Protein backbone atom coordinates (compact mmCIF):
# COMPACT_ATOMS: atom_id res chain seq x y z
CA MET A 1 22.61 -3.41 -22.63
CA LYS A 2 20.91 -5.58 -20.00
CA GLU A 3 20.53 -4.38 -16.44
CA LYS A 4 22.30 -6.42 -13.76
CA LEU A 5 20.76 -8.62 -11.08
CA LEU A 6 22.63 -10.26 -8.22
CA VAL A 7 21.43 -13.69 -7.08
CA ILE A 8 22.77 -15.14 -3.83
CA GLY A 9 22.09 -18.64 -2.55
CA SER A 10 22.02 -22.34 -3.26
CA PRO A 11 19.64 -22.82 -6.15
CA ASP A 12 18.47 -25.87 -7.96
CA LYS A 13 16.95 -25.93 -11.37
CA LYS A 14 13.56 -27.01 -10.09
CA HIS A 15 12.84 -24.12 -7.74
CA GLN A 16 14.61 -21.08 -9.13
CA PRO A 17 13.56 -18.89 -12.06
CA LEU A 18 17.09 -18.24 -13.29
CA ASP A 19 16.35 -19.44 -16.80
CA TRP A 20 13.75 -16.79 -17.60
CA LEU A 21 15.49 -14.11 -15.55
CA SER A 22 18.64 -14.57 -17.64
CA LYS A 23 16.68 -13.69 -20.79
CA HIS A 24 15.96 -10.19 -19.48
CA TYR A 25 18.86 -9.37 -17.16
CA GLU A 26 22.59 -9.91 -16.84
CA LEU A 27 22.86 -12.26 -13.87
CA TYR A 28 25.66 -12.46 -11.34
CA PHE A 29 25.40 -15.47 -9.11
CA ILE A 30 27.08 -16.12 -5.75
CA TYR A 31 26.78 -19.59 -4.28
CA HIS A 32 28.49 -21.34 -1.40
CA SER A 33 31.28 -23.70 -2.43
CA LYS A 34 30.28 -26.34 0.14
CA ASP A 35 26.68 -26.54 -1.04
CA SER A 36 25.35 -29.30 -3.24
CA PHE A 37 24.91 -26.83 -6.06
CA SER A 38 28.66 -26.92 -6.77
CA GLN A 39 28.17 -30.12 -8.72
CA ASP A 40 29.28 -29.86 -12.35
CA THR A 41 25.78 -30.43 -13.75
CA SER A 42 24.35 -27.39 -11.96
CA GLU A 43 27.32 -25.25 -12.91
CA LEU A 44 26.93 -26.28 -16.54
CA PHE A 45 23.29 -25.26 -16.33
CA LEU A 46 24.24 -21.73 -15.29
CA ASN A 47 27.04 -21.49 -17.84
CA LYS A 48 24.54 -22.22 -20.59
CA LEU A 49 22.44 -19.31 -19.34
CA GLY A 50 25.42 -16.96 -19.50
CA VAL A 51 25.39 -16.35 -15.75
CA HIS A 52 28.50 -14.90 -14.09
CA ILE A 53 29.37 -17.37 -11.31
CA VAL A 54 31.18 -16.42 -8.10
CA LYS A 55 32.02 -19.01 -5.44
CA ASN A 56 32.40 -18.16 -1.79
CA THR A 57 31.79 -19.48 1.71
CA ARG A 58 29.46 -18.18 4.39
CA SER A 59 32.46 -17.05 6.41
CA ASP A 60 34.11 -15.19 3.51
CA LEU A 61 32.00 -12.28 2.26
CA LEU A 62 34.80 -10.55 0.34
CA PRO A 63 33.47 -11.66 -3.10
CA LEU A 64 30.15 -10.01 -2.31
CA GLN A 65 31.86 -6.76 -1.32
CA GLU A 66 33.95 -6.78 -4.51
CA LEU A 67 30.85 -7.25 -6.66
CA PHE A 68 29.14 -4.24 -5.12
CA SER A 69 32.29 -2.18 -5.54
CA ASN A 70 32.51 -2.95 -9.27
CA HIS A 71 28.90 -3.27 -10.43
CA LYS A 72 25.57 -1.48 -10.13
CA PHE A 73 22.72 -3.93 -9.52
CA LYS A 74 19.04 -3.26 -10.10
CA ALA A 75 18.00 -5.74 -7.41
CA VAL A 76 19.27 -8.57 -5.23
CA LEU A 77 17.50 -11.93 -4.98
CA ILE A 78 18.53 -14.05 -1.99
CA PHE A 79 17.78 -17.78 -1.76
CA GLU A 80 18.88 -18.58 1.76
CA LYS A 81 17.41 -20.41 4.75
CA ASN A 82 20.09 -19.61 7.34
CA CYS A 83 18.64 -16.61 9.18
CA ILE A 84 21.93 -15.55 10.79
CA TYR A 85 23.77 -15.54 7.47
CA LEU A 86 20.79 -13.89 5.81
CA LYS A 87 20.88 -10.89 8.13
CA LYS A 88 24.66 -10.67 7.70
CA LEU A 89 24.19 -10.50 3.93
CA ILE A 90 21.61 -7.77 4.18
CA ARG A 91 23.80 -5.66 6.45
CA ILE A 92 26.63 -5.77 3.91
CA ILE A 93 24.33 -4.94 1.00
CA ARG A 94 22.98 -1.95 2.89
CA VAL A 95 26.51 -0.63 3.37
CA TYR A 96 26.80 -0.25 -0.40
CA SER A 97 23.24 0.78 -1.16
CA ASN A 98 20.54 1.97 1.18
CA TYR A 99 17.76 1.74 -1.38
CA ILE A 100 18.52 -1.23 -3.60
CA LYS A 101 15.62 -3.67 -3.64
CA ILE A 102 16.13 -7.00 -1.92
CA ALA A 103 13.90 -10.04 -2.24
CA VAL A 104 14.38 -12.90 0.21
CA LEU A 105 13.13 -16.19 -1.18
CA SER A 106 13.30 -19.67 0.32
CA HIS A 107 10.92 -22.58 0.24
CA ASN A 108 12.00 -23.85 3.66
CA ILE A 109 13.18 -20.85 5.69
CA PHE A 110 10.25 -20.80 8.08
CA PRO A 111 9.52 -24.51 8.49
CA ALA A 112 13.21 -24.93 9.26
CA PHE A 113 13.64 -22.11 11.75
CA TYR A 114 10.23 -21.04 13.05
CA LYS A 115 7.36 -23.02 14.50
CA ASN A 116 4.53 -20.48 14.64
CA SER A 117 3.31 -17.28 13.03
CA ARG A 118 4.37 -15.07 15.94
CA HIS A 119 8.01 -15.96 15.34
CA ILE A 120 7.58 -15.41 11.62
CA GLU A 121 6.23 -11.92 12.29
CA ASP A 122 9.18 -11.21 14.58
CA PHE A 123 11.58 -12.26 11.85
CA ILE A 124 9.82 -10.04 9.30
CA GLU A 125 10.25 -7.09 11.64
CA GLU A 126 13.95 -7.89 11.91
CA LEU A 127 14.24 -7.87 8.13
CA LYS A 128 12.40 -4.54 7.93
CA ALA A 129 14.96 -3.07 10.29
CA TYR A 130 17.49 -3.49 7.48
CA LYS A 131 15.24 -1.45 5.16
CA LEU A 132 14.21 -4.30 2.92
CA SER A 133 12.08 -2.74 0.25
CA CYS A 134 10.61 -6.13 -0.53
CA TYR A 135 10.72 -9.57 1.01
CA ALA A 136 9.41 -12.93 -0.10
CA LEU A 137 8.29 -15.68 2.21
CA ALA A 138 7.90 -19.41 1.62
CA ASP A 139 9.58 -19.36 -1.80
CA CYS A 140 6.98 -17.41 -3.74
CA VAL A 141 5.16 -15.10 -1.41
CA PHE A 142 5.83 -11.39 -0.94
CA ALA A 143 4.21 -10.65 2.41
CA GLY A 144 2.18 -13.60 1.27
CA THR A 145 -1.32 -14.76 1.98
CA LYS A 146 -2.06 -17.99 3.83
CA LYS A 147 -3.55 -19.41 0.65
CA GLU A 148 -0.33 -18.88 -1.29
CA VAL A 149 1.80 -20.37 1.48
CA LYS A 150 -0.46 -23.43 1.60
CA ALA A 151 -0.22 -23.78 -2.18
CA LEU A 152 3.53 -23.87 -1.97
CA LYS A 153 3.58 -26.56 0.70
CA ASP A 154 1.39 -28.72 -1.48
CA VAL A 155 3.65 -30.51 -3.97
CA SER A 156 0.82 -30.83 -6.48
CA ASN A 157 0.59 -27.04 -6.66
CA LYS A 158 4.29 -26.42 -7.31
CA ILE A 159 3.60 -25.28 -10.89
CA ASN A 160 1.04 -22.71 -9.74
CA ALA A 161 3.47 -21.53 -7.06
CA SER A 162 6.15 -21.07 -9.71
CA LEU A 163 3.80 -18.91 -11.76
CA ILE A 164 3.05 -16.80 -8.69
CA LEU A 165 6.76 -16.40 -8.08
CA LYS A 166 7.47 -15.45 -11.68
CA ASN A 167 4.74 -12.79 -11.82
CA LYS A 168 5.70 -11.28 -8.50
CA LEU A 169 9.38 -11.17 -9.36
CA ILE A 170 8.64 -9.44 -12.66
CA HIS A 171 6.64 -6.77 -10.83
CA PHE A 172 9.26 -6.51 -8.09
CA ILE A 173 12.32 -6.08 -10.29
CA ASP A 174 10.80 -3.56 -12.68
CA GLY A 175 11.25 -0.50 -10.48
CA SER A 176 10.12 1.92 -13.20
CA ARG A 177 6.68 0.36 -13.21
CA GLN A 178 3.94 2.97 -12.83
CA PRO A 179 0.22 2.90 -13.63
CA ASP A 180 -0.62 3.99 -17.17
CA ALA A 181 -2.27 7.39 -16.73
CA SER A 182 -2.72 7.92 -20.47
CA ARG A 183 -5.59 5.44 -20.71
CA ILE A 184 -7.67 7.08 -17.94
CA LYS A 185 -9.76 9.81 -19.55
CA GLU A 186 -12.61 10.22 -17.06
CA LEU A 187 -12.85 13.30 -14.85
CA THR A 188 -12.28 12.80 -11.12
CA SER A 189 -13.87 15.15 -8.60
CA ILE A 190 -11.76 15.60 -5.45
CA ILE A 191 -13.98 16.79 -2.58
CA ILE A 192 -12.24 18.30 0.44
CA PRO A 193 -14.24 19.41 3.50
CA CYS A 194 -12.28 21.98 5.55
CA PHE A 195 -12.67 23.26 9.09
CA ASN A 196 -9.77 25.48 10.17
CA GLN A 197 -6.25 23.99 9.99
CA LEU A 198 -5.09 26.12 7.04
CA PHE A 199 -1.52 24.82 7.45
CA TYR A 200 -2.61 21.26 6.57
CA THR A 201 -5.06 22.37 3.88
CA LYS A 202 -2.21 24.11 2.04
CA LYS A 203 -0.07 20.96 2.16
CA CYS A 204 -2.97 18.86 0.90
CA LEU A 205 -3.74 21.11 -2.08
CA GLU A 206 -0.07 21.44 -3.00
CA SER A 207 0.38 17.68 -2.99
CA ILE A 208 -2.62 17.23 -5.28
CA ARG A 209 -1.25 19.75 -7.77
CA GLN A 210 2.16 18.09 -7.70
CA ASN A 211 1.17 14.41 -7.80
CA THR A 212 -2.03 14.17 -9.84
CA ASN A 213 -1.63 13.72 -13.59
CA LEU A 214 -5.20 12.82 -14.53
CA PRO A 215 -8.18 15.06 -15.42
CA TYR A 216 -9.57 16.31 -12.10
CA GLU A 217 -11.45 19.08 -10.40
CA ILE A 218 -11.12 20.19 -6.78
CA ILE A 219 -14.19 21.09 -4.74
CA THR A 220 -13.53 22.52 -1.28
CA ILE A 221 -16.21 23.03 1.34
CA ASP A 222 -15.33 25.46 4.09
CA ASN A 223 -17.32 24.45 7.14
CA GLY A 224 -17.37 27.76 9.02
CA SER A 225 -13.61 28.06 9.58
CA LYS A 226 -12.49 30.79 11.98
CA ASP A 227 -8.94 31.12 10.63
CA ARG A 228 -7.88 32.42 7.20
CA THR A 229 -9.03 29.27 5.39
CA PRO A 230 -11.99 30.95 3.58
CA GLU A 231 -9.81 33.76 2.19
CA TYR A 232 -7.07 31.36 1.12
CA LEU A 233 -9.48 29.02 -0.66
CA ASP A 234 -11.23 31.92 -2.34
CA SER A 235 -7.93 33.07 -3.83
CA TYR A 236 -6.73 29.58 -4.79
CA PRO A 237 -6.84 29.08 -8.58
CA ASN A 238 -9.09 26.60 -10.36
CA ILE A 239 -11.10 25.20 -7.46
CA LYS A 240 -14.80 25.27 -6.67
CA LEU A 241 -15.43 26.75 -3.24
CA ILE A 242 -18.56 26.19 -1.18
CA THR A 243 -18.73 28.29 1.99
CA ASN A 244 -20.86 27.51 5.05
CA LYS A 245 -21.39 30.07 7.79
CA THR A 246 -21.34 27.36 10.46
CA ASN A 247 -19.89 23.88 10.81
CA LEU A 248 -22.53 21.62 9.30
CA GLY A 249 -20.47 18.50 9.90
CA PHE A 250 -18.55 16.08 7.70
CA ALA A 251 -21.42 14.24 6.02
CA PRO A 252 -23.39 17.38 4.99
CA ALA A 253 -20.18 18.97 3.64
CA CYS A 254 -19.39 15.83 1.61
CA ASN A 255 -22.92 15.86 0.21
CA GLN A 256 -22.55 19.49 -0.87
CA GLY A 257 -19.41 18.52 -2.73
CA ILE A 258 -21.03 15.45 -4.31
CA LYS A 259 -23.92 17.56 -5.61
CA ALA A 260 -21.47 20.01 -7.21
CA ALA A 261 -19.21 17.30 -8.67
CA LYS A 262 -19.12 16.44 -12.37
CA GLY A 263 -16.65 13.53 -12.31
CA SER A 264 -17.16 9.86 -13.08
CA PHE A 265 -15.09 9.14 -9.98
CA LEU A 266 -15.46 11.07 -6.74
CA ILE A 267 -12.77 11.25 -4.06
CA ILE A 268 -13.65 12.24 -0.51
CA LEU A 269 -10.37 13.53 0.93
CA ASN A 270 -9.54 14.88 4.38
CA ASN A 271 -7.69 18.19 4.40
CA ASP A 272 -5.01 16.78 6.75
CA THR A 273 -3.60 14.41 4.12
CA ILE A 274 -0.73 14.42 1.62
CA VAL A 275 -1.24 12.46 -1.58
CA THR A 276 1.81 10.79 -3.13
CA PRO A 277 2.87 10.17 -6.75
CA GLY A 278 0.59 7.74 -8.59
CA TRP A 279 -2.06 7.76 -5.85
CA LEU A 280 -5.06 8.47 -8.07
CA GLU A 281 -3.97 6.37 -11.06
CA ARG A 282 -3.70 3.31 -8.84
CA LEU A 283 -7.06 3.90 -7.13
CA ILE A 284 -8.82 4.23 -10.47
CA THR A 285 -6.95 1.25 -11.97
CA CYS A 286 -8.19 -0.85 -9.07
CA ALA A 287 -11.75 0.50 -9.41
CA GLN A 288 -11.83 -0.25 -13.13
CA SER A 289 -10.54 -3.80 -12.71
CA ASP A 290 -13.98 -5.10 -11.70
CA ARG A 291 -17.40 -3.59 -12.46
CA SER A 292 -18.69 -4.77 -9.10
CA ILE A 293 -16.17 -2.60 -7.19
CA GLY A 294 -17.96 0.49 -5.88
CA LEU A 295 -15.54 1.92 -3.31
CA VAL A 296 -11.74 1.94 -3.18
CA GLY A 297 -9.43 3.26 -0.47
CA PRO A 298 -5.63 3.63 -0.25
CA CYS A 299 -3.28 2.58 2.52
CA THR A 300 -2.17 5.11 5.09
CA ASN A 301 -0.18 5.50 8.27
CA ILE A 302 -2.98 6.64 10.63
CA THR A 303 -6.33 4.91 10.46
CA HIS A 304 -8.04 1.84 11.89
CA GLY A 305 -8.37 -1.61 10.41
CA PHE A 306 -7.55 -2.87 6.96
CA GLN A 307 -5.87 0.20 5.46
CA LYS A 308 -3.27 0.85 8.15
CA VAL A 309 0.39 0.20 7.37
CA GLN A 310 3.53 0.88 9.33
CA SER A 311 4.12 4.33 10.78
CA ILE A 312 6.69 6.34 8.89
CA HIS A 313 8.91 9.27 9.76
CA PHE A 314 10.27 11.80 7.29
CA THR A 315 11.92 15.19 7.44
CA ASN A 316 10.78 16.44 4.03
CA LEU A 317 8.41 15.54 1.21
CA LYS A 318 11.21 14.06 -0.87
CA GLU A 319 11.77 11.38 1.77
CA LEU A 320 8.03 10.71 2.01
CA TYR A 321 7.68 10.34 -1.76
CA ARG A 322 10.73 8.07 -1.96
CA TRP A 323 9.34 5.81 0.77
CA SER A 324 5.90 5.79 -0.83
CA ASN A 325 7.32 4.91 -4.24
CA ILE A 326 9.19 1.90 -2.86
CA PHE A 327 6.15 0.80 -0.83
CA CYS A 328 3.78 1.05 -3.79
CA ILE A 329 6.13 -0.74 -6.19
CA ASN A 330 6.55 -3.59 -3.73
CA ASN A 331 2.79 -3.89 -3.34
CA TYR A 332 2.02 -3.52 -7.02
CA GLY A 333 -1.41 -5.00 -7.80
CA ASN A 334 -1.92 -6.01 -4.17
CA TRP A 335 -5.63 -5.24 -3.84
CA TYR A 336 -8.05 -7.03 -1.56
CA ASN A 337 -11.73 -7.06 -0.77
CA VAL A 338 -12.59 -5.59 2.64
CA LEU A 339 -15.71 -5.09 4.75
CA TRP A 340 -15.34 -1.36 5.22
CA LEU A 341 -13.16 1.62 4.32
CA ASN A 342 -12.31 4.84 6.13
CA ALA A 343 -13.25 8.15 4.49
CA PHE A 344 -9.96 9.97 5.11
CA CYS A 345 -9.60 9.19 1.40
CA ILE A 346 -12.14 7.12 -0.47
CA LEU A 347 -12.97 6.75 -4.17
CA ILE A 348 -16.65 6.36 -5.04
CA LYS A 349 -17.92 5.43 -8.48
CA ARG A 350 -20.59 7.73 -9.88
CA GLU A 351 -22.87 4.78 -10.61
CA LEU A 352 -22.81 3.80 -6.94
CA ILE A 353 -23.83 7.29 -5.85
CA ASN A 354 -26.67 7.21 -8.39
CA LYS A 355 -27.97 4.01 -6.77
CA ILE A 356 -27.53 4.57 -3.03
CA GLY A 357 -27.47 8.35 -2.83
CA LEU A 358 -25.62 10.67 -0.46
CA PHE A 359 -24.06 10.26 2.97
CA ASP A 360 -26.50 9.98 5.86
CA GLU A 361 -26.56 13.41 7.53
CA ASN A 362 -27.86 11.96 10.80
CA PHE A 363 -24.19 11.31 11.53
CA THR A 364 -23.11 14.75 12.73
CA ARG A 365 -19.64 16.31 12.74
CA GLY A 366 -17.68 13.13 11.96
CA GLY A 367 -17.65 9.36 12.49
CA TYR A 368 -19.58 6.33 11.25
CA GLU A 369 -20.93 7.98 8.11
CA ASP A 370 -18.26 6.09 6.15
CA TYR A 371 -19.07 2.74 7.79
CA ASP A 372 -22.75 3.38 7.09
CA TYR A 373 -22.01 4.10 3.44
CA CYS A 374 -19.94 0.92 3.12
CA ILE A 375 -22.78 -1.21 4.49
CA ARG A 376 -25.25 0.36 2.08
CA ALA A 377 -22.90 -0.36 -0.83
CA ARG A 378 -22.39 -3.99 0.22
CA LYS A 379 -26.13 -4.53 0.52
CA LEU A 380 -26.36 -3.71 -3.20
CA LYS A 381 -23.64 -6.33 -3.89
CA TYR A 382 -20.88 -3.79 -4.51
CA LYS A 383 -17.35 -4.67 -3.42
CA LEU A 384 -15.05 -2.53 -1.30
CA PHE A 385 -11.35 -2.75 -2.11
CA CYS A 386 -8.25 -1.65 -0.27
CA CYS A 387 -5.67 -0.58 -2.84
CA ASN A 388 -2.41 -1.57 -1.20
CA ASP A 389 -0.27 0.00 -3.94
CA SER A 390 -1.63 3.51 -3.33
CA PHE A 391 -0.48 5.47 -0.30
CA VAL A 392 -1.89 8.70 1.18
CA TYR A 393 -0.19 10.18 4.23
CA HIS A 394 -2.62 11.16 7.02
CA TYR A 395 -1.77 13.53 9.87
CA GLY A 396 -4.95 12.45 11.65
CA THR A 397 -7.79 14.20 13.57
CA LYS A 398 -6.54 17.76 13.14
CA SER A 399 -9.90 19.51 12.79
CA TYR A 400 -11.14 18.53 16.27
CA SER A 401 -9.56 17.97 19.66
CA LYS A 402 -9.28 14.37 20.86
CA LYS A 403 -12.07 15.01 23.36
CA ASP A 404 -14.42 16.49 20.75
CA ASN A 405 -13.56 13.71 18.33
CA PHE A 406 -14.36 11.06 20.94
CA ASN A 407 -17.66 12.76 21.86
CA ASN A 408 -18.64 12.88 18.18
CA LEU A 409 -17.87 9.19 17.83
CA VAL A 410 -19.89 8.26 20.90
CA LYS A 411 -22.87 10.24 19.62
CA ASN A 412 -22.67 8.82 16.12
CA SER A 413 -22.16 5.28 17.38
CA LYS A 414 -25.61 5.46 18.94
CA VAL A 415 -27.06 6.55 15.59
CA PHE A 416 -25.26 3.66 13.91
CA LEU A 417 -26.47 1.15 16.50
CA LYS A 418 -30.06 2.27 16.13
CA LYS A 419 -29.88 2.09 12.33
CA TRP A 420 -28.03 -1.19 11.80
CA GLY A 421 -28.41 -3.17 15.00
CA ILE A 422 -26.09 -4.90 17.40
CA ASP A 423 -24.37 -7.29 14.95
CA TYR A 424 -22.81 -4.57 12.80
CA PHE A 425 -22.12 -2.49 15.87
CA GLU A 426 -20.27 -5.25 17.70
CA TYR A 427 -18.13 -5.93 14.65
CA LEU A 428 -17.04 -2.29 14.52
CA ARG A 429 -16.55 -2.19 18.27
CA ASP A 430 -14.17 -5.13 18.01
CA THR A 431 -12.19 -3.79 15.03
CA VAL A 432 -11.98 -0.04 15.67
CA TRP A 433 -9.69 1.34 18.36
CA HIS A 434 -12.23 3.67 19.98
CA SER A 435 -13.51 2.77 23.43
CA PHE A 436 -17.26 2.26 23.62
CA SER A 437 -17.45 1.82 27.36
CA ASN A 438 -19.40 5.06 27.77
CA ILE A 439 -22.10 4.08 25.30
CA LYS A 440 -25.39 3.15 26.95
């Protein structure tokens, strides 16, 4: 028995993928009786596809309410350019289901109603307020790139745009889609430096045990903790524990873990993080997609630059995992090349470590050692990728006070400036939130 999709809008045969959607799903279609689509030829087209047709007007939303009362839909696809009506539709849908996936698609919604990108961004935020788990812009683009939007505006590229739309809709609708863990056989070494904050370390380790289904080992480095962290880690089953009498700093602790690691992939992971289902499978899938990729990082809620996504609020892990699952499904395969990655969670290929070596221990305590490592990787022609379909929650800067963290960054920024020069330094100064006004 086919799963059900609801399509709302005023389609025409040229722009909408109803023909191939009808082969895989049972389609229910609502269109407005006053629209040009009500012509017999278009209606015959849908009848041939076996689509259930429901007529209504923009002022009468009773047919939509009746459909949701009587049917369970896997997803809703909306082809609509009237923003006021669009938001009214979404509100009604959310009354019946708070988590059903909604895709908004229209080839002329923004040219018709918005004149610049700022207004587009405002409209996206309005849509997010209605908990859209997915949205499509400019007919084919899910949170689309400028290149894809341009392709759609170019009539000669309509065929390519249709292919983009088809692929993205397939990924969007298939909510059960998860990375195939069975094909990943390599061992992954998860390296976790710890300095106090046992409460967060426990959460981190528990999330790894719960959400990691690949071969892995955990290596923890206790950096002279003064709480009960050393005793807890010593009693924790199946981990390698390295204990330092004093705090050697982040880079030296990472290097100790790297030297002890046996995996083909190495993960540097902060102890104030929570990994979510599918996190590692997606990072490795991205890393294996191109031999030239050396470093891969997930998205997170607290960081700077390319990997930061919206802040989220949750009352329990179930809510976090539900949000993460929707986010990752909607961003399935959305990977992009970046200039640098943050080491709150970063995957490093073994072959890259063999070529460029360990972290530079001149960067003490924490800060800039990850940017330094990224530059060294890029100089050997390795790519750095942000994996937008993997999410790791980050509590952020729990091991040090804000003052100590800032002082560490100031000190390490001087080391970075001396090593790489003003060009790299100015780029980081402009893209990282820290203030460098105190740096001489």
